[in-house]
C-alpha atoms as a PDB file:
ATOM      1  CA  MET A   1       8.533 112.675  82.023  1.00  0.00           C
ATOM      2  CA  GLN A   2       4.922 113.827  80.094  1.00  0.00           C
ATOM      3  CA  PRO A   3       5.572 117.247  78.191  1.00  0.00           C
ATOM      4  CA  THR A   4       3.416 120.402  79.952  1.00  0.00           C
ATOM      5  CA  PRO A   5       0.725 120.968  78.238  1.00  0.00           C
ATOM      6  CA  VAL A   6       0.330 123.942  75.769  1.00  0.00           C
ATOM      7  CA  THR A   7      -2.640 126.368  77.124  1.00  0.00           C
ATOM      8  CA  SER A   8      -4.204 127.150  73.513  1.00  0.00           C
ATOM      9  CA  SER A   9      -5.486 130.112  75.314  1.00  0.00           C
ATOM     10  CA  ARG A  10      -1.722 131.400  75.450  1.00  0.00           C
ATOM     11  CA  LEU A  11      -0.779 130.753  71.789  1.00  0.00           C
ATOM     12  CA  PHE A  12      -1.060 133.724  69.299  1.00  0.00           C
ATOM     13  CA  ILE A  13      -2.454 130.476  67.205  1.00  0.00           C
ATOM     14  CA  PRO A  14      -4.297 128.214  69.508  1.00  0.00           C
ATOM     15  CA  ALA A  15      -4.857 125.670  66.626  1.00  0.00           C
ATOM     16  CA  LEU A  16      -1.260 125.104  66.934  1.00  0.00           C
ATOM     17  CA  GLY A  17      -1.263 123.754  70.958  1.00  0.00           C
ATOM     18  CA  ARG A  18      -2.431 120.049  69.649  1.00  0.00           C
ATOM     19  CA  PHE A  19       0.721 119.829  67.236  1.00  0.00           C
ATOM     20  CA  TYR A  20       3.316 121.026  69.692  1.00  0.00           C
ATOM     21  CA  LEU A  21       1.847 118.759  71.997  1.00  0.00           C
ATOM     22  CA  PHE A  22       2.160 115.971  69.872  1.00  0.00           C
ATOM     23  CA  ALA A  23       5.582 116.661  68.373  1.00  0.00           C
ATOM     24  CA  HIS A  24       7.258 117.575  71.766  1.00  0.00           C
ATOM     25  CA  ASP A  25       8.552 113.950  72.238  1.00  0.00           C
ATOM     26  CA  GLY A  26       9.341 113.185  68.790  1.00  0.00           C
ATOM     27  CA  VAL A  27      11.466 116.737  68.049  1.00  0.00           C
ATOM     28  CA  GLU A  28      13.595 116.238  71.233  1.00  0.00           C
ATOM     29  CA  THR A  29      14.430 112.413  70.344  1.00  0.00           C
ATOM     30  CA  LEU A  30      15.019 113.515  66.825  1.00  0.00           C
ATOM     31  CA  LEU A  31      17.687 116.165  68.691  1.00  0.00           C
ATOM     32  CA  ARG A  32      19.053 113.863  70.631  1.00  0.00           C
ATOM     33  CA  VAL A  33      19.868 111.171  67.872  1.00  0.00           C
ATOM     34  CA  VAL A  34      21.227 113.908  65.373  1.00  0.00           C
ATOM     35  CA  VAL A  35      23.790 115.252  68.470  1.00  0.00           C
ATOM     36  CA  GLY A  36      24.778 111.913  69.382  1.00  0.00           C
ATOM     37  CA  LEU A  37      25.258 110.696  66.211  1.00  0.00           C
ATOM     38  CA  ALA A  38      27.241 113.899  65.373  1.00  0.00           C
ATOM     39  CA  LEU A  39      29.348 112.999  68.679  1.00  0.00           C
ATOM     40  CA  PHE A  40      29.760 109.531  67.569  1.00  0.00           C
ATOM     41  CA  THR A  41      31.059 110.661  63.834  1.00  0.00           C
ATOM     42  CA  HIS A  42      33.220 113.231  65.222  1.00  0.00           C
ATOM     43  CA  GLY A  43      34.570 110.088  67.702  1.00  0.00           C
ATOM     44  CA  THR A  44      35.483 107.473  64.927  1.00  0.00           C
ATOM     45  CA  GLY A  45      38.436 109.239  64.075  1.00  0.00           C
ATOM     46  CA  LYS A  46      39.754 109.229  67.182  1.00  0.00           C
ATOM     47  CA  ILE A  47      38.546 105.745  68.663  1.00  0.00           C
ATOM     48  CA  ALA A  48      40.726 104.543  65.714  1.00  0.00           C
ATOM     49  CA  ASN A  49      43.842 105.828  67.226  1.00  0.00           C
ATOM     50  CA  PRO A  50      42.876 106.747  71.076  1.00  0.00           C
ATOM     51  CA  PHE A  51      46.103 107.707  72.261  1.00  0.00           C
ATOM     52  CA  GLY A  52      46.334 109.996  68.619  1.00  0.00           C
ATOM     53  CA  ALA A  53      45.463 113.386  70.768  1.00  0.00           C
ATOM     54  CA  ALA A  54      48.153 112.541  73.681  1.00  0.00           C
ATOM     55  CA  GLY A  55      50.112 115.579  73.018  1.00  0.00           C
ATOM     56  CA  MET A  56      46.895 117.616  72.424  1.00  0.00           C
ATOM     57  CA  VAL A  57      45.952 117.313  75.956  1.00  0.00           C
ATOM     58  CA  GLU A  58      48.981 117.394  77.717  1.00  0.00           C
ATOM     59  CA  SER A  59      49.546 120.702  76.040  1.00  0.00           C
ATOM     60  CA  LEU A  60      46.339 121.765  77.937  1.00  0.00           C
ATOM     61  CA  GLY A  61      47.257 120.456  80.859  1.00  0.00           C
ATOM     62  CA  PHE A  62      45.833 117.082  81.378  1.00  0.00           C
ATOM     63  CA  TYR A  63      48.435 114.374  82.085  1.00  0.00           C
ATOM     64  CA  PRO A  64      49.153 111.771  81.109  1.00  0.00           C
ATOM     65  CA  GLY A  65      48.148 112.353  78.322  1.00  0.00           C
ATOM     66  CA  SER A  66      47.430 108.681  76.977  1.00  0.00           C
ATOM     67  CA  LEU A  67      44.899 108.199  79.767  1.00  0.00           C
ATOM     68  CA  TRP A  68      43.081 111.471  78.863  1.00  0.00           C
ATOM     69  CA  SER A  69      43.064 110.886  75.346  1.00  0.00           C
ATOM     70  CA  LEU A  70      41.501 107.651  75.356  1.00  0.00           C
ATOM     71  CA  LEU A  71      38.718 108.954  77.864  1.00  0.00           C
ATOM     72  CA  LEU A  72      38.139 111.553  74.865  1.00  0.00           C
ATOM     73  CA  ALA A  73      38.058 109.279  72.349  1.00  0.00           C
ATOM     74  CA  CYS A  74      35.729 106.686  74.489  1.00  0.00           C
ATOM     75  CA  THR A  75      33.533 109.798  75.441  1.00  0.00           C
ATOM     76  CA  GLU A  76      33.051 111.028  71.867  1.00  0.00           C
ATOM     77  CA  PHE A  77      32.523 107.580  70.165  1.00  0.00           C
ATOM     78  CA  PHE A  78      30.586 105.097  72.621  1.00  0.00           C
ATOM     79  CA  GLY A  79      28.788 108.713  74.157  1.00  0.00           C
ATOM     80  CA  GLY A  80      27.782 109.508  70.768  1.00  0.00           C
ATOM     81  CA  ILE A  81      26.201 106.131  70.468  1.00  0.00           C
ATOM     82  CA  PHE A  82      24.172 105.967  74.162  1.00  0.00           C
ATOM     83  CA  ILE A  83      23.003 109.337  73.520  1.00  0.00           C
ATOM     84  CA  ALA A  84      21.726 108.661  70.245  1.00  0.00           C
ATOM     85  CA  ILE A  85      19.708 105.182  71.588  1.00  0.00           C
ATOM     86  CA  GLY A  86      18.984 106.808  74.520  1.00  0.00           C
ATOM     87  CA  PHE A  87      21.312 104.739  77.673  1.00  0.00           C
ATOM     88  CA  LEU A  88      22.735 106.219  80.112  1.00  0.00           C
ATOM     89  CA  THR A  89      21.987 109.186  78.643  1.00  0.00           C
ATOM     90  CA  ARG A  90      22.629 111.422  81.290  1.00  0.00           C
ATOM     91  CA  PRO A  91      26.322 110.539  82.418  1.00  0.00           C
ATOM     92  CA  SER A  92      27.054 110.182  78.737  1.00  0.00           C
ATOM     93  CA  ALA A  93      25.580 113.461  78.064  1.00  0.00           C
ATOM     94  CA  PHE A  94      27.315 115.152  81.370  1.00  0.00           C
ATOM     95  CA  ALA A  95      30.887 113.672  79.763  1.00  0.00           C
ATOM     96  CA  ALA A  96      30.667 115.372  76.770  1.00  0.00           C
ATOM     97  CA  PHE A  97      29.358 118.570  78.346  1.00  0.00           C
ATOM     98  CA  VAL A  98      32.663 118.201  79.996  1.00  0.00           C
ATOM     99  CA  VAL A  99      34.650 117.397  77.063  1.00  0.00           C
ATOM    100  CA  LEU A 100      33.287 120.317  75.128  1.00  0.00           C
ATOM    101  CA  MET A 101      33.758 122.902  78.019  1.00  0.00           C
ATOM    102  CA  VAL A 102      37.354 122.078  77.585  1.00  0.00           C
ATOM    103  CA  THR A 103      37.308 122.717  73.809  1.00  0.00           C
ATOM    104  CA  VAL A 104      35.515 125.985  74.686  1.00  0.00           C
ATOM    105  CA  TYR A 105      38.828 126.907  76.944  1.00  0.00           C
ATOM    106  CA  PHE A 106      40.936 125.402  74.152  1.00  0.00           C
ATOM    107  CA  HIS A 107      39.529 127.638  71.197  1.00  0.00           C
ATOM    108  CA  TRP A 108      38.489 131.020  73.523  1.00  0.00           C
ATOM    109  CA  ILE A 109      42.085 131.392  75.648  1.00  0.00           C
ATOM    110  CA  VAL A 110      44.872 128.680  74.248  1.00  0.00           C
ATOM    111  CA  GLN A 111      44.040 129.735  70.297  1.00  0.00           C
ATOM    112  CA  ASN A 112      42.907 133.063  71.235  1.00  0.00           C
ATOM    113  CA  GLU A 113      39.717 132.905  68.814  1.00  0.00           C
ATOM    114  CA  GLY A 114      37.674 134.458  71.263  1.00  0.00           C
ATOM    115  CA  TYR A 115      33.703 133.711  70.845  1.00  0.00           C
ATOM    116  CA  SER A 116      33.901 133.200  67.384  1.00  0.00           C
ATOM    117  CA  GLY A 117      36.283 130.258  67.715  1.00  0.00           C
ATOM    118  CA  ALA A 118      34.308 128.854  70.954  1.00  0.00           C
ATOM    119  CA  GLU A 119      30.573 129.341  69.578  1.00  0.00           C
ATOM    120  CA  LEU A 120      30.164 125.900  67.875  1.00  0.00           C
ATOM    121  CA  SER A 121      31.413 124.606  71.301  1.00  0.00           C
ATOM    122  CA  ILE A 122      29.260 126.432  73.499  1.00  0.00           C
ATOM    123  CA  ILE A 123      26.265 125.552  71.448  1.00  0.00           C
ATOM    124  CA  TRP A 124      27.136 121.755  71.762  1.00  0.00           C
ATOM    125  CA  ALA A 125      27.928 122.091  75.309  1.00  0.00           C
ATOM    126  CA  ALA A 126      24.314 123.611  76.057  1.00  0.00           C
ATOM    127  CA  VAL A 127      22.783 120.847  74.237  1.00  0.00           C
ATOM    128  CA  MET A 128      24.664 118.470  76.504  1.00  0.00           C
ATOM    129  CA  LEU A 129      23.824 120.162  79.242  1.00  0.00           C
ATOM    130  CA  PHE A 130      19.928 119.884  78.330  1.00  0.00           C
ATOM    131  CA  PHE A 131      20.354 116.260  78.266  1.00  0.00           C
ATOM    132  CA  ALA A 132      22.652 115.589  80.877  1.00  0.00           C
ATOM    133  CA  VAL A 133      19.865 117.349  83.127  1.00  0.00           C
ATOM    134  CA  ARG A 134      16.632 115.896  80.988  1.00  0.00           C
ATOM    135  CA  GLY A 135      17.869 112.893  80.336  1.00  0.00           C
ATOM    136  CA  ALA A 136      16.273 110.840  77.542  1.00  0.00           C
ATOM    137  CA  ASN A 137      12.255 110.547  76.992  1.00  0.00           C
ATOM    138  CA  ARG A 138      10.074 107.771  76.604  1.00  0.00           C
ATOM    139  CA  HIS A 139      11.802 106.738  73.034  1.00  0.00           C
ATOM    140  CA  SER A 140      14.803 105.776  74.769  1.00  0.00           C
ATOM    141  CA  VAL A 141      16.660 102.524  75.605  1.00  0.00           C
ATOM    142  CA  ASP A 142      16.380 103.907  79.493  1.00  0.00           C
ATOM    143  CA  ALA A 143      12.881 104.238  79.194  1.00  0.00           C
ATOM    144  CA  LYS A 144      12.361 100.844  77.524  1.00  0.00           C
ATOM    145  CA  ILE A 145      14.797  99.140  80.488  1.00  0.00           C
ATOM    146  CA  GLY A 146      12.873 101.403  82.942  1.00  0.00           C
ATOM    147  CA  ARG A 147      15.879 102.893  84.678  1.00  0.00           C
ATOM    148  CA  ALA A 148      17.745 105.986  84.283  1.00  0.00           C
ATOM    149  CA  PHE A 149      20.418 108.203  86.259  1.00  0.00           C
END
């Protein structure tokens, strides 16, 4: 998908229109790579012990805990890699979005931390929802293979 051209006459500084058009895909790619690598990094501890969160997920009502713990580890570790390289971007980002919405519930309701405890998860969830809807751009494996969800 091509970026929407910026109409220079609508900008406060019309000369920036060319820069915005030039930087659009690059900045979006940078965001995707950064959040993908951060999710991957967060998942490395979980993938090393994929059943380690079984008790925690069961405490949230997800049974059997061993299955959900494994899915959590895979979502963060492999989903992070996939999002970073732009492969199966939409399903990977959607799975991460679901995980992050559970963390919002966990921090806001279960831990009774309210917005301040859930704020980071809300921001992360919004970014994952963006990529679940938008997908990856032309700088991705999805684009190189010519297929995407």
